Amino acid sequence: MRCPYCGSEESQVKDSRPAEDGAAIRRRRICPDCGGRFTTFERVQLRELMILKKTGRKAPFDRDKLLRSFEIALRKRPVDRDRIERAVSGIVRRLESSGETEISSEEIGLQVLEALKSLDDVAFVRYASVYRDFSHAEDFEKVIAEISAKIARDPGA
């Protein structure tokens, strides 16, 4: 593994442990040349996924980009990092096990919305405002009314 600090081709693994509920291995590494310490994650990849954008362009699936979407929506919200990782891992597993090699960006967006709905209502509204391209205050009111109705039906949710 290449050192992110000095670019050396060598690094030594100092510690390995399971991460993301056993779906990944977290490795702490040290560079013998510069002494830099860094962490890598090793995950099983069942198949190479391609994202079909609305424009028709195709791009390779990027788990880190998916994680960043969650982090942006959940910025300054009281949601545990492990819950975010589990949500992202769940989406990735569903995508990989779907049998499809090309997945529309719309399908991923819907899965993110569904996951955020169960994690945090504010993050759900933030993401929905971008994903659904809100342009008026009424758009926000409609989504908030949906959430309020859900809470009224199921106060424990």
N, C-alpha and C. Protein backbone atom coordinates (compact mmCIF):
# COMPACT_ATOMS: atom_id res chain seq x y z
N MET A 1 0.85 -1.17 0.00
CA MET A 1 0.00 0.00 0.00
C MET A 1 0.90 1.23 0.00
N ARG A 2 0.66 2.12 -0.92
CA ARG A 2 1.47 3.34 -1.06
C ARG A 2 1.20 4.30 0.10
N CYS A 3 2.26 4.89 0.63
CA CYS A 3 2.17 5.86 1.72
C CYS A 3 1.55 7.16 1.19
N PRO A 4 0.50 7.67 1.85
CA PRO A 4 -0.12 8.92 1.38
C PRO A 4 0.73 10.16 1.67
N TYR A 5 1.76 10.02 2.50
CA TYR A 5 2.59 11.16 2.88
C TYR A 5 3.80 11.32 1.96
N CYS A 6 4.55 10.22 1.78
CA CYS A 6 5.79 10.33 1.00
C CYS A 6 5.74 9.58 -0.33
N GLY A 7 4.69 8.77 -0.53
CA GLY A 7 4.55 8.05 -1.79
C GLY A 7 5.32 6.74 -1.85
N SER A 8 5.96 6.35 -0.77
CA SER A 8 6.72 5.10 -0.74
C SER A 8 5.80 3.94 -1.08
N GLU A 9 6.34 2.96 -1.80
CA GLU A 9 5.56 1.79 -2.23
C GLU A 9 5.37 0.78 -1.09
N GLU A 10 6.07 0.95 0.00
CA GLU A 10 6.02 -0.02 1.09
C GLU A 10 5.32 0.57 2.30
N SER A 11 4.60 -0.28 3.02
CA SER A 11 4.05 0.09 4.33
C SER A 11 3.90 -1.19 5.13
N GLN A 12 3.91 -1.04 6.44
CA GLN A 12 3.79 -2.20 7.32
C GLN A 12 2.46 -2.14 8.05
N VAL A 13 1.77 -3.28 8.13
CA VAL A 13 0.52 -3.36 8.87
C VAL A 13 0.85 -3.55 10.34
N LYS A 14 0.36 -2.63 11.18
CA LYS A 14 0.60 -2.71 12.62
C LYS A 14 -0.56 -3.32 13.37
N ASP A 15 -1.79 -3.18 12.82
CA ASP A 15 -2.96 -3.68 13.51
C ASP A 15 -4.06 -3.93 12.48
N SER A 16 -4.76 -5.05 12.60
CA SER A 16 -5.91 -5.36 11.75
C SER A 16 -7.07 -5.75 12.63
N ARG A 17 -8.26 -5.26 12.29
CA ARG A 17 -9.46 -5.66 13.04
C ARG A 17 -10.68 -5.51 12.15
N PRO A 18 -11.73 -6.27 12.47
CA PRO A 18 -12.97 -6.16 11.68
C PRO A 18 -13.60 -4.77 11.87
N ALA A 19 -14.28 -4.32 10.83
CA ALA A 19 -14.99 -3.05 10.89
C ALA A 19 -16.32 -3.19 10.15
N GLU A 20 -17.20 -2.22 10.34
CA GLU A 20 -18.48 -2.19 9.64
C GLU A 20 -19.23 -3.51 9.80
N ASP A 21 -19.36 -3.96 11.03
CA ASP A 21 -20.07 -5.21 11.34
C ASP A 21 -19.51 -6.40 10.58
N GLY A 22 -18.19 -6.46 10.43
CA GLY A 22 -17.53 -7.58 9.78
C GLY A 22 -17.50 -7.49 8.26
N ALA A 23 -18.04 -6.40 7.69
CA ALA A 23 -18.06 -6.26 6.23
C ALA A 23 -16.75 -5.72 5.68
N ALA A 24 -15.85 -5.29 6.57
CA ALA A 24 -14.58 -4.72 6.14
C ALA A 24 -13.51 -5.04 7.17
N ILE A 25 -12.27 -4.86 6.78
CA ILE A 25 -11.14 -5.00 7.70
C ILE A 25 -10.43 -3.66 7.75
N ARG A 26 -10.24 -3.17 8.96
CA ARG A 26 -9.54 -1.91 9.18
C ARG A 26 -8.09 -2.24 9.49
N ARG A 27 -7.16 -1.62 8.75
CA ARG A 27 -5.74 -1.88 8.98
C ARG A 27 -5.03 -0.57 9.31
N ARG A 28 -4.31 -0.56 10.42
CA ARG A 28 -3.45 0.57 10.78
C ARG A 28 -2.09 0.27 10.19
N ARG A 29 -1.54 1.22 9.46
CA ARG A 29 -0.27 1.02 8.77
C ARG A 29 0.73 2.10 9.15
N ILE A 30 2.01 1.76 8.95
CA ILE A 30 3.09 2.72 9.17
C ILE A 30 4.06 2.63 8.00
N CYS A 31 4.55 3.76 7.57
CA CYS A 31 5.51 3.82 6.47
C CYS A 31 6.92 3.69 7.06
N PRO A 32 7.71 2.72 6.59
CA PRO A 32 9.07 2.57 7.13
C PRO A 32 10.01 3.70 6.69
N ASP A 33 9.66 4.41 5.60
CA ASP A 33 10.53 5.48 5.10
C ASP A 33 10.34 6.78 5.86
N CYS A 34 9.06 7.22 6.02
CA CYS A 34 8.85 8.53 6.66
C CYS A 34 8.23 8.43 8.05
N GLY A 35 7.78 7.23 8.44
CA GLY A 35 7.19 7.05 9.77
C GLY A 35 5.72 7.46 9.83
N GLY A 36 5.15 7.84 8.70
CA GLY A 36 3.74 8.26 8.68
C GLY A 36 2.81 7.10 9.01
N ARG A 37 1.76 7.40 9.76
CA ARG A 37 0.76 6.39 10.12
C ARG A 37 -0.54 6.71 9.41
N PHE A 38 -1.21 5.66 8.91
CA PHE A 38 -2.49 5.86 8.22
C PHE A 38 -3.32 4.60 8.33
N THR A 39 -4.60 4.74 8.02
CA THR A 39 -5.55 3.64 8.11
C THR A 39 -6.09 3.30 6.74
N THR A 40 -6.23 2.01 6.45
CA THR A 40 -6.86 1.57 5.21
C THR A 40 -8.01 0.64 5.57
N PHE A 41 -8.97 0.53 4.65
CA PHE A 41 -10.08 -0.39 4.82
C PHE A 41 -10.11 -1.33 3.64
N GLU A 42 -10.33 -2.61 3.92
CA GLU A 42 -10.42 -3.63 2.88
C GLU A 42 -11.84 -4.17 2.91
N ARG A 43 -12.53 -4.12 1.75
CA ARG A 43 -13.91 -4.57 1.66
C ARG A 43 -14.06 -5.57 0.53
N VAL A 44 -15.02 -6.46 0.67
CA VAL A 44 -15.35 -7.39 -0.40
C VAL A 44 -16.13 -6.62 -1.46
N GLN A 45 -15.77 -6.81 -2.70
CA GLN A 45 -16.50 -6.20 -3.80
C GLN A 45 -17.02 -7.34 -4.67
N LEU A 46 -18.34 -7.53 -4.64
CA LEU A 46 -18.93 -8.65 -5.36
C LEU A 46 -18.87 -8.46 -6.87
N ARG A 47 -19.12 -7.25 -7.32
CA ARG A 47 -19.06 -6.96 -8.76
C ARG A 47 -18.78 -5.49 -8.96
N GLU A 48 -18.26 -5.17 -10.13
CA GLU A 48 -17.98 -3.79 -10.49
C GLU A 48 -19.29 -3.12 -10.88
N LEU A 49 -19.68 -2.10 -10.13
CA LEU A 49 -20.93 -1.41 -10.39
C LEU A 49 -20.69 -0.13 -11.17
N MET A 50 -21.57 0.14 -12.12
CA MET A 50 -21.54 1.39 -12.88
C MET A 50 -22.83 2.15 -12.59
N ILE A 51 -22.69 3.46 -12.44
CA ILE A 51 -23.84 4.31 -12.19
C ILE A 51 -24.26 4.95 -13.51
N LEU A 52 -25.52 4.84 -13.82
CA LEU A 52 -26.08 5.46 -15.01
C LEU A 52 -26.69 6.80 -14.59
N LYS A 53 -26.04 7.88 -14.99
CA LYS A 53 -26.48 9.23 -14.62
C LYS A 53 -27.70 9.64 -15.44
N LYS A 54 -28.38 10.69 -14.98
CA LYS A 54 -29.56 11.20 -15.69
C LYS A 54 -29.21 11.66 -17.10
N THR A 55 -27.97 12.10 -17.28
CA THR A 55 -27.53 12.59 -18.60
C THR A 55 -27.22 11.44 -19.56
N GLY A 56 -27.24 10.20 -19.05
CA GLY A 56 -26.89 9.06 -19.88
C GLY A 56 -25.44 8.64 -19.72
N ARG A 57 -24.65 9.49 -19.07
CA ARG A 57 -23.24 9.18 -18.84
C ARG A 57 -23.12 8.08 -17.79
N LYS A 58 -22.08 7.27 -17.89
CA LYS A 58 -21.83 6.21 -16.92
C LYS A 58 -20.58 6.56 -16.11
N ALA A 59 -20.62 6.20 -14.83
CA ALA A 59 -19.47 6.44 -13.95
C ALA A 59 -19.35 5.26 -13.00
N PRO A 60 -18.13 4.92 -12.60
CA PRO A 60 -17.96 3.82 -11.64
C PRO A 60 -18.56 4.21 -10.30
N PHE A 61 -19.16 3.23 -9.62
CA PHE A 61 -19.73 3.46 -8.30
C PHE A 61 -18.61 3.80 -7.33
N ASP A 62 -18.86 4.78 -6.46
CA ASP A 62 -17.87 5.23 -5.49
C ASP A 62 -18.51 5.24 -4.10
N ARG A 63 -18.13 4.26 -3.28
CA ARG A 63 -18.69 4.15 -1.93
C ARG A 63 -18.42 5.40 -1.11
N ASP A 64 -17.23 5.98 -1.27
CA ASP A 64 -16.87 7.17 -0.51
C ASP A 64 -17.78 8.35 -0.86
N LYS A 65 -18.18 8.45 -2.12
CA LYS A 65 -19.09 9.52 -2.53
C LYS A 65 -20.46 9.33 -1.87
N LEU A 66 -20.89 8.08 -1.79
CA LEU A 66 -22.15 7.77 -1.11
C LEU A 66 -22.06 8.16 0.37
N LEU A 67 -20.95 7.81 1.01
CA LEU A 67 -20.75 8.16 2.41
C LEU A 67 -20.74 9.68 2.60
N ARG A 68 -20.09 10.41 1.69
CA ARG A 68 -20.06 11.87 1.79
C ARG A 68 -21.46 12.46 1.69
N SER A 69 -22.32 11.87 0.86
CA SER A 69 -23.70 12.34 0.76
C SER A 69 -24.41 12.25 2.10
N PHE A 70 -24.21 11.13 2.79
CA PHE A 70 -24.80 10.97 4.11
C PHE A 70 -24.21 11.99 5.08
N GLU A 71 -22.89 12.14 5.05
CA GLU A 71 -22.25 13.07 5.98
C GLU A 71 -22.72 14.51 5.78
N ILE A 72 -22.92 14.91 4.54
CA ILE A 72 -23.39 16.27 4.26
C ILE A 72 -24.81 16.45 4.79
N ALA A 73 -25.67 15.48 4.51
CA ALA A 73 -27.06 15.58 4.97
C ALA A 73 -27.14 15.54 6.49
N LEU A 74 -26.22 14.81 7.12
CA LEU A 74 -26.26 14.62 8.58
C LEU A 74 -25.33 15.58 9.33
N ARG A 75 -24.76 16.55 8.64
CA ARG A 75 -23.83 17.48 9.28
C ARG A 75 -24.51 18.17 10.47
N LYS A 76 -23.82 18.13 11.61
CA LYS A 76 -24.29 18.75 12.87
C LYS A 76 -25.58 18.12 13.39
N ARG A 77 -25.82 16.85 13.05
CA ARG A 77 -26.97 16.12 13.56
C ARG A 77 -26.47 15.03 14.50
N PRO A 78 -27.24 14.69 15.55
CA PRO A 78 -26.79 13.72 16.55
C PRO A 78 -26.98 12.27 16.10
N VAL A 79 -26.28 11.87 15.05
CA VAL A 79 -26.38 10.51 14.55
C VAL A 79 -25.00 9.87 14.65
N ASP A 80 -24.95 8.71 15.28
CA ASP A 80 -23.71 7.98 15.51
C ASP A 80 -23.07 7.54 14.19
N ARG A 81 -21.77 7.67 14.10
CA ARG A 81 -21.01 7.32 12.89
C ARG A 81 -21.24 5.86 12.48
N ASP A 82 -21.38 4.98 13.47
CA ASP A 82 -21.61 3.56 13.16
C ASP A 82 -22.94 3.35 12.45
N ARG A 83 -23.96 4.10 12.82
CA ARG A 83 -25.27 3.99 12.14
C ARG A 83 -25.15 4.44 10.69
N ILE A 84 -24.36 5.48 10.45
CA ILE A 84 -24.15 5.96 9.09
C ILE A 84 -23.44 4.89 8.27
N GLU A 85 -22.37 4.32 8.83
CA GLU A 85 -21.62 3.26 8.14
C GLU A 85 -22.50 2.07 7.83
N ARG A 86 -23.36 1.68 8.79
CA ARG A 86 -24.26 0.55 8.55
C ARG A 86 -25.25 0.86 7.43
N ALA A 87 -25.76 2.08 7.39
CA ALA A 87 -26.69 2.46 6.32
C ALA A 87 -26.01 2.41 4.96
N VAL A 88 -24.80 2.95 4.88
CA VAL A 88 -24.05 2.94 3.61
C VAL A 88 -23.73 1.50 3.21
N SER A 89 -23.25 0.70 4.16
CA SER A 89 -22.94 -0.71 3.85
C SER A 89 -24.17 -1.47 3.39
N GLY A 90 -25.32 -1.18 3.99
CA GLY A 90 -26.56 -1.83 3.59
C GLY A 90 -26.94 -1.50 2.16
N ILE A 91 -26.79 -0.23 1.80
CA ILE A 91 -27.10 0.18 0.42
C ILE A 91 -26.14 -0.50 -0.55
N VAL A 92 -24.86 -0.51 -0.22
CA VAL A 92 -23.86 -1.13 -1.10
C VAL A 92 -24.16 -2.62 -1.27
N ARG A 93 -24.48 -3.32 -0.17
CA ARG A 93 -24.80 -4.75 -0.27
C ARG A 93 -26.02 -4.99 -1.15
N ARG A 94 -27.05 -4.15 -0.99
CA ARG A 94 -28.25 -4.30 -1.82
C ARG A 94 -27.93 -4.07 -3.30
N LEU A 95 -27.11 -3.08 -3.57
CA LEU A 95 -26.74 -2.79 -4.96
C LEU A 95 -25.94 -3.94 -5.56
N GLU A 96 -24.98 -4.44 -4.80
CA GLU A 96 -24.13 -5.52 -5.31
C GLU A 96 -24.90 -6.83 -5.48
N SER A 97 -25.85 -7.07 -4.59
CA SER A 97 -26.58 -8.33 -4.67
C SER A 97 -27.80 -8.26 -5.59
N SER A 98 -28.05 -7.09 -6.18
CA SER A 98 -29.20 -6.94 -7.08
C SER A 98 -29.02 -7.72 -8.38
N GLY A 99 -27.79 -8.05 -8.71
CA GLY A 99 -27.53 -8.76 -9.96
C GLY A 99 -27.29 -7.82 -11.13
N GLU A 100 -27.56 -6.54 -10.94
CA GLU A 100 -27.36 -5.55 -11.99
C GLU A 100 -25.93 -5.01 -11.93
N THR A 101 -25.36 -4.73 -13.08
CA THR A 101 -24.03 -4.10 -13.09
C THR A 101 -24.15 -2.60 -13.33
N GLU A 102 -25.29 -2.17 -13.91
CA GLU A 102 -25.56 -0.74 -14.11
C GLU A 102 -26.77 -0.36 -13.28
N ILE A 103 -26.61 0.66 -12.45
CA ILE A 103 -27.68 1.10 -11.56
C ILE A 103 -27.89 2.59 -11.77
N SER A 104 -29.14 3.00 -11.87
CA SER A 104 -29.43 4.41 -12.11
C SER A 104 -29.14 5.23 -10.86
N SER A 105 -28.68 6.44 -11.07
CA SER A 105 -28.42 7.33 -9.94
C SER A 105 -29.72 7.61 -9.19
N GLU A 106 -30.84 7.56 -9.89
CA GLU A 106 -32.14 7.76 -9.26
C GLU A 106 -32.43 6.67 -8.23
N GLU A 107 -32.12 5.42 -8.57
CA GLU A 107 -32.34 4.31 -7.64
C GLU A 107 -31.49 4.48 -6.39
N ILE A 108 -30.25 4.90 -6.55
CA ILE A 108 -29.39 5.12 -5.39
C ILE A 108 -29.95 6.26 -4.54
N GLY A 109 -30.40 7.33 -5.20
CA GLY A 109 -30.99 8.45 -4.47
C GLY A 109 -32.19 8.04 -3.64
N LEU A 110 -33.04 7.18 -4.21
CA LEU A 110 -34.20 6.69 -3.47
C LEU A 110 -33.79 5.87 -2.25
N GLN A 111 -32.75 5.05 -2.41
CA GLN A 111 -32.28 4.25 -1.29
C GLN A 111 -31.68 5.13 -0.20
N VAL A 112 -30.98 6.20 -0.59
CA VAL A 112 -30.42 7.14 0.39
C VAL A 112 -31.56 7.83 1.13
N LEU A 113 -32.58 8.27 0.39
CA LEU A 113 -33.73 8.91 1.04
C LEU A 113 -34.37 7.99 2.06
N GLU A 114 -34.56 6.73 1.69
CA GLU A 114 -35.18 5.76 2.60
C GLU A 114 -34.33 5.56 3.85
N ALA A 115 -33.02 5.47 3.67
CA ALA A 115 -32.13 5.28 4.83
C ALA A 115 -32.13 6.52 5.72
N LEU A 116 -32.09 7.70 5.11
CA LEU A 116 -32.09 8.93 5.91
C LEU A 116 -33.40 9.12 6.66
N LYS A 117 -34.49 8.66 6.06
CA LYS A 117 -35.79 8.78 6.72
C LYS A 117 -35.78 8.05 8.06
N SER A 118 -35.08 6.92 8.12
CA SER A 118 -35.02 6.16 9.37
C SER A 118 -33.92 6.67 10.31
N LEU A 119 -32.95 7.41 9.79
CA LEU A 119 -31.86 7.93 10.63
C LEU A 119 -32.20 9.27 11.28
N ASP A 120 -32.71 10.23 10.48
CA ASP A 120 -32.90 11.58 10.99
C ASP A 120 -33.82 12.37 10.06
N ASP A 121 -34.90 12.91 10.60
CA ASP A 121 -35.87 13.64 9.78
C ASP A 121 -35.27 14.89 9.14
N VAL A 122 -34.43 15.61 9.88
CA VAL A 122 -33.84 16.84 9.34
C VAL A 122 -32.92 16.50 8.16
N ALA A 123 -32.11 15.46 8.30
CA ALA A 123 -31.22 15.04 7.21
C ALA A 123 -32.04 14.59 6.01
N PHE A 124 -33.16 13.91 6.27
CA PHE A 124 -34.04 13.48 5.19
C PHE A 124 -34.53 14.69 4.40
N VAL A 125 -35.00 15.74 5.09
CA VAL A 125 -35.51 16.94 4.42
C VAL A 125 -34.38 17.63 3.65
N ARG A 126 -33.18 17.70 4.25
CA ARG A 126 -32.04 18.32 3.56
C ARG A 126 -31.76 17.61 2.24
N TYR A 127 -31.64 16.29 2.32
CA TYR A 127 -31.31 15.51 1.12
C TYR A 127 -32.45 15.60 0.11
N ALA A 128 -33.68 15.48 0.58
CA ALA A 128 -34.84 15.54 -0.32
C ALA A 128 -34.91 16.88 -1.04
N SER A 129 -34.51 17.95 -0.36
CA SER A 129 -34.59 19.28 -0.99
C SER A 129 -33.67 19.37 -2.20
N VAL A 130 -32.55 18.68 -2.16
CA VAL A 130 -31.63 18.67 -3.30
C VAL A 130 -32.07 17.61 -4.31
N TYR A 131 -32.35 16.41 -3.81
CA TYR A 131 -32.69 15.29 -4.69
C TYR A 131 -33.97 15.57 -5.48
N ARG A 132 -34.97 16.10 -4.81
CA ARG A 132 -36.25 16.39 -5.47
C ARG A 132 -36.30 17.79 -6.06
N ASP A 133 -35.19 18.53 -5.95
CA ASP A 133 -35.06 19.85 -6.56
C ASP A 133 -36.15 20.81 -6.08
N PHE A 134 -36.22 20.99 -4.75
CA PHE A 134 -37.20 21.92 -4.18
C PHE A 134 -36.92 23.32 -4.71
N SER A 135 -37.99 24.03 -5.04
CA SER A 135 -37.82 25.39 -5.53
C SER A 135 -38.69 26.39 -4.78
N HIS A 136 -39.62 25.90 -3.96
CA HIS A 136 -40.54 26.77 -3.22
C HIS A 136 -40.69 26.29 -1.79
N ALA A 137 -41.09 27.19 -0.92
CA ALA A 137 -41.31 26.83 0.48
C ALA A 137 -42.38 25.74 0.61
N GLU A 138 -43.34 25.73 -0.31
CA GLU A 138 -44.40 24.72 -0.27
C GLU A 138 -43.84 23.31 -0.40
N ASP A 139 -42.74 23.17 -1.14
CA ASP A 139 -42.12 21.86 -1.29
C ASP A 139 -41.65 21.33 0.06
N PHE A 140 -41.06 22.22 0.85
CA PHE A 140 -40.61 21.84 2.19
C PHE A 140 -41.82 21.52 3.08
N GLU A 141 -42.85 22.36 2.98
CA GLU A 141 -44.05 22.16 3.80
C GLU A 141 -44.67 20.80 3.54
N LYS A 142 -44.70 20.39 2.28
CA LYS A 142 -45.31 19.11 1.92
C LYS A 142 -44.54 17.94 2.56
N VAL A 143 -43.22 17.97 2.49
CA VAL A 143 -42.41 16.89 3.06
C VAL A 143 -42.53 16.90 4.59
N ILE A 144 -42.52 18.06 5.19
CA ILE A 144 -42.65 18.15 6.64
C ILE A 144 -44.03 17.65 7.08
N ALA A 145 -45.06 17.94 6.29
CA ALA A 145 -46.40 17.43 6.60
C ALA A 145 -46.42 15.90 6.53
N GLU A 146 -45.71 15.31 5.55
CA GLU A 146 -45.62 13.85 5.45
C GLU A 146 -44.97 13.26 6.69
N ILE A 147 -43.89 13.90 7.14
CA ILE A 147 -43.17 13.41 8.34
C ILE A 147 -44.07 13.55 9.56
N SER A 148 -44.75 14.69 9.69
CA SER A 148 -45.64 14.91 10.83
C SER A 148 -46.77 13.88 10.86
N ALA A 149 -47.32 13.56 9.69
CA ALA A 149 -48.37 12.55 9.60
C ALA A 149 -47.84 11.18 10.03
N LYS A 150 -46.61 10.87 9.63
CA LYS A 150 -46.00 9.59 10.02
C LYS A 150 -45.83 9.52 11.54
N ILE A 151 -45.39 10.62 12.14
CA ILE A 151 -45.19 10.65 13.58
C ILE A 151 -46.54 10.53 14.30
N ALA A 152 -47.56 11.17 13.77
CA ALA A 152 -48.89 11.09 14.38
C ALA A 152 -49.45 9.66 14.35
N ARG A 153 -49.16 8.93 13.22
CA ARG A 153 -49.61 7.55 13.10
C ARG A 153 -48.84 6.63 14.02
N ASP A 154 -47.55 6.87 14.15
CA ASP A 154 -46.65 5.99 14.91
C ASP A 154 -45.77 6.84 15.81
N PRO A 155 -46.24 7.26 16.99
CA PRO A 155 -45.46 8.17 17.84
C PRO A 155 -44.10 7.61 18.27
N GLY A 156 -43.92 6.31 18.22
CA GLY A 156 -42.64 5.72 18.61
C GLY A 156 -41.60 5.75 17.51
N ALA A 157 -41.98 6.20 16.34
CA ALA A 157 -41.04 6.19 15.19
C ALA A 157 -40.00 7.26 15.30
